[in-house]
C-alpha atoms as a PDB file:
ATOM      1  CA  LYS A   1      14.769  -9.625 -11.247  1.00  0.00           C
ATOM      2  CA  GLU A   2      16.053  -9.135 -14.875  1.00  0.00           C
ATOM      3  CA  THR A   3      12.654  -8.623 -15.999  1.00  0.00           C
ATOM      4  CA  ILE A   4      11.669  -6.294 -13.605  1.00  0.00           C
ATOM      5  CA  ASP A   5      14.779  -4.213 -14.029  1.00  0.00           C
ATOM      6  CA  TYR A   6      14.039  -4.115 -17.669  1.00  0.00           C
ATOM      7  CA  ILE A   7      10.577  -2.932 -17.193  1.00  0.00           C
ATOM      8  CA  VAL A   8      11.479   0.002 -14.628  1.00  0.00           C
ATOM      9  CA  LYS A   9      14.416   1.065 -17.060  1.00  0.00           C
ATOM     10  CA  ASN A  10      12.467   0.957 -20.284  1.00  0.00           C
ATOM     11  CA  PHE A  11       9.100   1.884 -19.900  1.00  0.00           C
ATOM     12  CA  ASN A  12       8.124   5.615 -18.692  1.00  0.00           C
ATOM     13  CA  VAL A  13       5.010   4.826 -17.103  1.00  0.00           C
ATOM     14  CA  PRO A  14       4.070   4.981 -13.257  1.00  0.00           C
ATOM     15  CA  ILE A  15       4.877   1.503 -12.094  1.00  0.00           C
ATOM     16  CA  PHE A  16       3.297   0.145  -8.626  1.00  0.00           C
ATOM     17  CA  LEU A  17       5.116  -2.295  -6.503  1.00  0.00           C
ATOM     18  CA  ASP A  18       3.501  -4.795  -4.145  1.00  0.00           C
ATOM     19  CA  CYS A  19       6.451  -6.302  -2.244  1.00  0.00           C
ATOM     20  CA  VAL A  20       4.681  -9.819  -1.692  1.00  0.00           C
ATOM     21  CA  SER A  21       7.575 -11.030   0.552  1.00  0.00           C
ATOM     22  CA  THR A  22      10.931 -10.050   1.922  1.00  0.00           C
ATOM     23  CA  ILE A  23      12.761 -12.482  -0.397  1.00  0.00           C
ATOM     24  CA  LYS A  24      10.848 -10.962  -3.626  1.00  0.00           C
ATOM     25  CA  ALA A  25      11.209  -7.383  -2.173  1.00  0.00           C
ATOM     26  CA  LEU A  26      15.029  -7.870  -1.984  1.00  0.00           C
ATOM     27  CA  LYS A  27      14.984  -8.416  -5.721  1.00  0.00           C
ATOM     28  CA  THR A  28      14.119  -4.728  -6.083  1.00  0.00           C
ATOM     29  CA  ILE A  29      16.592  -3.040  -3.577  1.00  0.00           C
ATOM     30  CA  ASP A  30      18.691  -1.699  -6.224  1.00  0.00           C
ATOM     31  CA  ILE A  31      16.131  -0.324  -8.468  1.00  0.00           C
ATOM     32  CA  ILE A  32      13.449   0.775  -5.828  1.00  0.00           C
ATOM     33  CA  GLY A  33      13.678   4.316  -6.826  1.00  0.00           C
ATOM     34  CA  TYR A  34      12.259   3.541 -10.222  1.00  0.00           C
ATOM     35  CA  PHE A  35       8.884   2.673  -8.754  1.00  0.00           C
ATOM     36  CA  HIS A  36       6.169   5.155  -8.600  1.00  0.00           C
ATOM     37  CA  THR A  37       4.392   3.651  -5.729  1.00  0.00           C
ATOM     38  CA  ILE A  38       5.374   0.829  -3.504  1.00  0.00           C
ATOM     39  CA  LYS A  39       3.359  -1.069  -0.868  1.00  0.00           C
ATOM     40  CA  PRO A  40       5.323  -3.094   1.628  1.00  0.00           C
ATOM     41  CA  ASN A  41       4.307  -4.465   4.849  1.00  0.00           C
ATOM     42  CA  GLN A  42       6.378  -3.394   7.923  1.00  0.00           C
ATOM     43  CA  LEU A  43       8.829  -6.387   7.719  1.00  0.00           C
ATOM     44  CA  GLU A  44       9.252  -5.805   3.893  1.00  0.00           C
ATOM     45  CA  ALA A  45       9.854  -1.917   4.618  1.00  0.00           C
ATOM     46  CA  GLU A  46      12.252  -2.565   7.399  1.00  0.00           C
ATOM     47  CA  THR A  47      14.276  -5.263   5.223  1.00  0.00           C
ATOM     48  CA  LEU A  48      14.480  -2.981   2.180  1.00  0.00           C
ATOM     49  CA  SER A  49      15.425   0.303   4.313  1.00  0.00           C
ATOM     50  CA  GLY A  50      17.462  -1.142   7.005  1.00  0.00           C
ATOM     51  CA  ILE A  51      15.346   1.011   9.350  1.00  0.00           C
ATOM     52  CA  LYS A  52      13.717  -1.002  12.315  1.00  0.00           C
ATOM     53  CA  ILE A  53      10.127   0.301  12.924  1.00  0.00           C
ATOM     54  CA  THR A  54       9.565   0.703  16.476  1.00  0.00           C
ATOM     55  CA  ASP A  55       7.535   3.788  16.952  1.00  0.00           C
ATOM     56  CA  GLU A  56       6.011   6.609  14.778  1.00  0.00           C
ATOM     57  CA  LEU A  57       9.178   8.516  14.459  1.00  0.00           C
ATOM     58  CA  SER A  58      11.022   5.252  12.952  1.00  0.00           C
ATOM     59  CA  LEU A  59       8.053   4.674  10.773  1.00  0.00           C
ATOM     60  CA  LYS A  60       8.300   8.264   9.264  1.00  0.00           C
ATOM     61  CA  LYS A  61      12.154   7.752   8.736  1.00  0.00           C
ATOM     62  CA  CYS A  62      11.520   4.593   6.954  1.00  0.00           C
ATOM     63  CA  ALA A  63       9.010   5.985   4.775  1.00  0.00           C
ATOM     64  CA  GLU A  64      11.266   9.173   4.152  1.00  0.00           C
ATOM     65  CA  PHE A  65      14.016   6.638   3.018  1.00  0.00           C
ATOM     66  CA  PHE A  66      12.045   5.517   0.170  1.00  0.00           C
ATOM     67  CA  ILE A  67      10.824   8.997  -0.820  1.00  0.00           C
ATOM     68  CA  ASN A  68      14.540  10.039  -0.851  1.00  0.00           C
ATOM     69  CA  LYS A  69      15.322   7.145  -3.181  1.00  0.00           C
ATOM     70  CA  GLY A  70      12.763   8.744  -5.702  1.00  0.00           C
ATOM     71  CA  VAL A  71       9.583   6.629  -4.825  1.00  0.00           C
ATOM     72  CA  LYS A  72       6.627   8.847  -5.310  1.00  0.00           C
ATOM     73  CA  GLN A  73       4.400   7.600  -2.727  1.00  0.00           C
ATOM     74  CA  ILE A  74       4.706   4.626  -0.312  1.00  0.00           C
ATOM     75  CA  PHE A  75       2.025   2.870   1.675  1.00  0.00           C
ATOM     76  CA  ILE A  76       3.577   0.526   4.659  1.00  0.00           C
ATOM     77  CA  SER A  77       0.789  -1.929   5.865  1.00  0.00           C
ATOM     78  CA  LEU A  78       0.829  -2.465   9.520  1.00  0.00           C
ATOM     79  CA  GLY A  79      -1.815  -5.047  10.016  1.00  0.00           C
ATOM     80  CA  GLU A  80      -4.473  -4.214  12.491  1.00  0.00           C
ATOM     81  CA  LYS A  81      -2.758  -0.823  13.117  1.00  0.00           C
ATOM     82  CA  GLY A  82      -3.481   0.316   9.617  1.00  0.00           C
ATOM     83  CA  VAL A  83      -1.720   1.922   7.008  1.00  0.00           C
ATOM     84  CA  TYR A  84       1.026   4.422   6.948  1.00  0.00           C
ATOM     85  CA  TYR A  85       1.080   6.592   3.802  1.00  0.00           C
ATOM     86  CA  SER A  86       3.753   9.104   2.386  1.00  0.00           C
ATOM     87  CA  ASN A  87       4.684  11.296  -0.330  1.00  0.00           C
ATOM     88  CA  ASP A  88       6.786  14.355  -0.702  1.00  0.00           C
ATOM     89  CA  LYS A  89       4.001  16.446   0.506  1.00  0.00           C
ATOM     90  CA  GLU A  90       2.083  14.541   3.277  1.00  0.00           C
ATOM     91  CA  ALA A  91       2.184  11.522   5.521  1.00  0.00           C
ATOM     92  CA  GLY A  92      -0.084  10.026   8.047  1.00  0.00           C
ATOM     93  CA  LEU A  93      -1.299   6.936   9.709  1.00  0.00           C
ATOM     94  CA  LEU A  94      -4.957   5.701   8.875  1.00  0.00           C
ATOM     95  CA  PRO A  95      -6.280   2.961  11.160  1.00  0.00           C
ATOM     96  CA  ALA A  96      -7.748  -0.420   9.885  1.00  0.00           C
ATOM     97  CA  PHE A  97     -11.266  -0.921  10.186  1.00  0.00           C
ATOM     98  CA  LYS A  98     -12.737  -3.349  12.621  1.00  0.00           C
ATOM     99  CA  VAL A  99     -13.951  -6.259  10.282  1.00  0.00           C
ATOM    100  CA  ASN A 100     -15.071  -9.680  10.854  1.00  0.00           C
ATOM    101  CA  ILE A 101     -12.225 -11.744   9.308  1.00  0.00           C
ATOM    102  CA  LYS A 102     -13.331 -14.641   7.154  1.00  0.00           C
ATOM    103  CA  ASN A 103     -10.213 -14.746   4.770  1.00  0.00           C
ATOM    104  CA  THR A 104      -7.111 -12.544   4.382  1.00  0.00           C
ATOM    105  CA  THR A 105      -6.197 -13.866   1.128  1.00  0.00           C
ATOM    106  CA  GLY A 106      -6.467 -11.124  -1.446  1.00  0.00           C
ATOM    107  CA  ALA A 107      -6.639  -8.328   1.090  1.00  0.00           C
ATOM    108  CA  GLY A 108      -3.246  -6.898  -0.016  1.00  0.00           C
ATOM    109  CA  ASP A 109      -4.168  -7.194  -3.595  1.00  0.00           C
ATOM    110  CA  ALA A 110      -7.541  -5.289  -3.057  1.00  0.00           C
ATOM    111  CA  PHE A 111      -5.662  -2.659  -1.167  1.00  0.00           C
ATOM    112  CA  MET A 112      -3.261  -2.260  -4.134  1.00  0.00           C
ATOM    113  CA  ALA A 113      -6.086  -2.189  -6.567  1.00  0.00           C
ATOM    114  CA  GLY A 114      -7.680   0.534  -4.420  1.00  0.00           C
ATOM    115  CA  ILE A 115      -4.699   2.649  -4.459  1.00  0.00           C
ATOM    116  CA  ALA A 116      -4.123   2.057  -8.329  1.00  0.00           C
ATOM    117  CA  TYR A 117      -7.922   3.179  -8.580  1.00  0.00           C
ATOM    118  CA  GLY A 118      -7.154   6.511  -6.564  1.00  0.00           C
ATOM    119  CA  PHE A 119      -4.298   7.131  -8.730  1.00  0.00           C
ATOM    120  CA  THR A 120      -5.942   6.751 -11.938  1.00  0.00           C
ATOM    121  CA  HIS A 121      -8.818   8.892 -10.613  1.00  0.00           C
ATOM    122  CA  SER A 122      -6.619  11.567  -9.499  1.00  0.00           C
ATOM    123  CA  LEU A 123      -7.250  11.190  -5.649  1.00  0.00           C
ATOM    124  CA  ASP A 124      -4.744  12.608  -3.165  1.00  0.00           C
ATOM    125  CA  ILE A 125      -2.479  10.069  -1.271  1.00  0.00           C
ATOM    126  CA  LYS A 126      -4.874   9.982   1.931  1.00  0.00           C
ATOM    127  CA  SER A 127      -7.896   9.514  -0.225  1.00  0.00           C
ATOM    128  CA  SER A 128      -6.261   6.860  -2.215  1.00  0.00           C
ATOM    129  CA  CYS A 129      -5.021   5.138   0.994  1.00  0.00           C
ATOM    130  CA  LYS A 130      -8.502   5.393   2.393  1.00  0.00           C
ATOM    131  CA  PHE A 131     -10.057   3.804  -0.787  1.00  0.00           C
ATOM    132  CA  GLY A 132      -7.522   0.913  -0.434  1.00  0.00           C
ATOM    133  CA  ILE A 133      -8.363   0.116   3.146  1.00  0.00           C
ATOM    134  CA  ALA A 134     -12.008  -0.014   2.141  1.00  0.00           C
ATOM    135  CA  CYS A 135     -11.268  -2.393  -0.660  1.00  0.00           C
ATOM    136  CA  ALA A 136      -9.116  -4.621   1.713  1.00  0.00           C
ATOM    137  CA  SER A 137     -12.012  -4.579   4.271  1.00  0.00           C
ATOM    138  CA  ILE A 138     -14.408  -5.888   1.635  1.00  0.00           C
ATOM    139  CA  ALA A 139     -11.888  -8.547   0.942  1.00  0.00           C
ATOM    140  CA  ILE A 140     -11.196  -9.575   4.456  1.00  0.00           C
ATOM    141  CA  GLU A 141     -14.878 -10.075   5.105  1.00  0.00           C
ATOM    142  CA  SER A 142     -15.540 -12.468   2.271  1.00  0.00           C
ATOM    143  CA  SER A 143     -14.905 -16.166   2.333  1.00  0.00           C
ATOM    144  CA  LYS A 144     -13.703 -15.957  -1.300  1.00  0.00           C
ATOM    145  CA  THR A 145     -10.425 -14.618  -2.585  1.00  0.00           C
ATOM    146  CA  ILE A 146     -12.265 -12.205  -4.691  1.00  0.00           C
ATOM    147  CA  SER A 147     -15.514 -10.826  -2.957  1.00  0.00           C
ATOM    148  CA  ASP A 148     -18.768 -10.571  -4.662  1.00  0.00           C
ATOM    149  CA  GLN A 149     -19.425  -7.475  -2.712  1.00  0.00           C
ATOM    150  CA  MET A 150     -16.304  -5.658  -4.363  1.00  0.00           C
ATOM    151  CA  ASN A 151     -17.751  -2.535  -6.289  1.00  0.00           C
ATOM    152  CA  LEU A 152     -17.687   1.092  -6.302  1.00  0.00           C
ATOM    153  CA  LYS A 153     -20.785   1.557  -4.456  1.00  0.00           C
ATOM    154  CA  ASN A 154     -19.739  -0.731  -1.583  1.00  0.00           C
ATOM    155  CA  VAL A 155     -16.358   0.848  -1.270  1.00  0.00           C
ATOM    156  CA  ASN A 156     -17.793   4.212  -0.996  1.00  0.00           C
ATOM    157  CA  LEU A 157     -20.521   2.898   1.571  1.00  0.00           C
ATOM    158  CA  ILE A 158     -17.617   1.659   3.812  1.00  0.00           C
ATOM    159  CA  GLN A 159     -15.656   4.829   3.480  1.00  0.00           C
ATOM    160  CA  GLU A 160     -18.710   6.605   4.756  1.00  0.00           C
ATOM    161  CA  GLU A 161     -19.822   4.305   7.509  1.00  0.00           C
ATOM    162  CA  ASN A 162     -16.296   4.368   9.055  1.00  0.00           C
ATOM    163  CA  LYS A 163     -16.239   8.130   9.672  1.00  0.00           C
ATOM    164  CA  TRP A 164     -12.600   8.896   8.865  1.00  0.00           C
ATOM    165  CA  ILE A 165     -10.638  11.290  10.691  1.00  0.00           C
END
């Protein structure tokens, strides 16, 4: 906790947080507004915000809680239901892809890498979310923690094949 606190208060760079677990997420509750981007799953978002997510309205309210705390963008992963993304300009829900699940280890990391890629390449939040979902899909369809198929060409191909709304 002390290390995370020191980093967010002493380095003036965008910091991305993957909550990892509710126990670890709680270590950031007092400093959550220092993070540029956070990626909690539904349970982690509920734990940090105190808002139970039961429908789209409560999901929106939960995301707004974090934006009002100072977070610039949030991606709430909802498992098979997809990912809810939000910033101070737009919000939405993108569905998960239908994939042949071989291994879920590394999917969250792949998603996080995808949204970080989106940020560093000046993609808007929706495009970053799409990129992250495509990365996670590649990870899930691999029996390895880090897929041999993870590359820019395949990520872009998956996005094209899934005909985004």
